Amino acid sequence: LMVAYATLSHANAAGTFFVDDLLEHNTVNHTWMEIGYVNLTDTEWTTVTTTVNNLNPGNTREMSVFMSLPEYGGETATSGFPLVVKMNGRATKTTGGAYQFQARLVQPNDSFCPKLWWTPTPAPKINVGWMIAEEGVYNISSSMLVFGSGEVTRDNTVSLLKNDVPALYHAKYVLNYTTGCDENDPDAVCKFVEKVSDVNYSTTGHLGSTNQIQTSVNKVPDDPSKELWMNTRIRNVFPDRIAMMLAVHSVFVNNDTISALKGPYNYNFTLYPDYADIHTPEIVSYFVWEKNIRLTCVEGLVMETSIQFPITDSPLQMDYFYDFEDVPGLFGMIGTLQSVGDTVSLRVFNRTRTGSNFITQEDQCTDEEETHIAEESAFSMVVGKARDLVGDTNCFIAYDVRPCTYTIYLYDLFNDGWDNVELVVDTTFTSTSCTFNAYMQTTDGGKPITWWENYWRYEHDDDLSTPDVVYIGDYDSTITVVRNDVTFT
């Protein structure tokens, strides 16, 4: 048996542009962000440790962590369920300088649901992207990026606000961006340039956000051992502030009488009135960006953002601007509050190197149907390594890519050796390529002696939900693998 193994390493090239720290009024000269991947389940917390040990070297900034959308289910609302990634507290610095945090998948809890239509079962292990960054305000290639956080609660007793559409019977929290970008007015709030939308003349249509709840303080009532399904929904992203709400999953009105359901805001009439009230604050981090930005870094990393509309229970195809070398991390959330009557989350499926599909997904606690027909917006931020592209900006971002690792098994049917036959594996592992070619040849240039009993086997895992594909080759076979693409003859 022989194993072929290799690992991809980061690029190390000199660029011509740099990242501006608008709070320090200087260029960034250390790693301030790291992006990686981790496999998560919904049965336990998983600890993630950064590979970089010089993040936040002066310990002067808060660190915010963001988790990508988990891919699962299919193209219809009945082939999935709402699933969120939760964190077990803010990232903490270790004695060695690295940061650690814990994350897990969380499904809607059925403790207060009738179990007529759905009972949760353990979710499969899902590969999820993560991003950790120093909070602050940055300028990369003329694109402003704002990272911040704040305490957010939810109180369903809040009175209906004037001109509040849709009518929301809960607190909407507004977090102002930090101050300090203007050296002449250090108390002024950092602000994006206002751009009037050509669709509705709004000044907020060009901004999106990636949010992540950093804490897990509030638990399931009467059962604190269970994690509370919770995410954030965006109301508006303004040039100087962001308005959001905490969303928990629906709760059944009456476990005995289905007809007791009362309209779209049934959680206000529940038998468990405190379930949807979040009085103890959770810390929510936000990463605000302008849509359609294209960032390219000498580290090989690229980042692109978009705002998609409309997103419903019907699949929407989103094509990436870049052709990624590997399936990139997709960080996304629902960016509107068109309907809040049922629990809803953004679900992604059929992720590839060149695009993804979105739908919105409701739970089955208060009713059987899972379709969300209200037209919502989706905010998405995609990061990864683009094919055949190295940028011109020293971003100081560490990208902990999934290892470029392939395993090939060699077989000898009669266990008497391969004689003059050998397997040749040519590899190209760089920051922009992760390729191998394999074929058989003879060591002496002559005719193969035992060609009929020599075989190799390769099992291709594309890190997606699709089944692995097994390739078995003989002396006349060749295979070329470029990340998720396989050519076999």
Foldseek 3Di string as FASTA:
>chain_A
DDKDKDWFDWFDDAFDAFKAFLQVRGTDDAFFKEKEKDWAWAPDKDKDKDPDQCHPVVVPFFKDKFKFFWAAFDQFQVGDADKDKAWAAGWDADPSRITMTIIHIAGAQQPQFLCPADDDDIDDTTMMMMMMGTAGWMAAPNWIKGKDKDWAWKAQCDDFDPPDPPTGSIDKDKDWTAARSDPVCRRDFQFDDFDQDPPPRDRFPFKDKFKHFRHQPDAAPPCRVHGWDKDKEWATDHRTMTIIHIAGFDGAADSPDLVPQDPLQSLCRHPCVCRGGGPDIIMMMMMMTTAQDWGFAQRQKIKHKHKDKFAWSGKDKDWDPFQALAQWGKGKWWHHPNDRSGDKTWHWYPGTSTIIIIHIFTHPRSHNDTTGGGTTMMIIMTMHGGAPDHDNYHHSYHYHYDTLTWIKAKFFQVPPDQVFKDKDKDFDRYNRWRKIKIAMDGNVNDDGDPQVGIKMKTWDDSSHPDDIDIDMDTRPKMWMDRRRDIDID
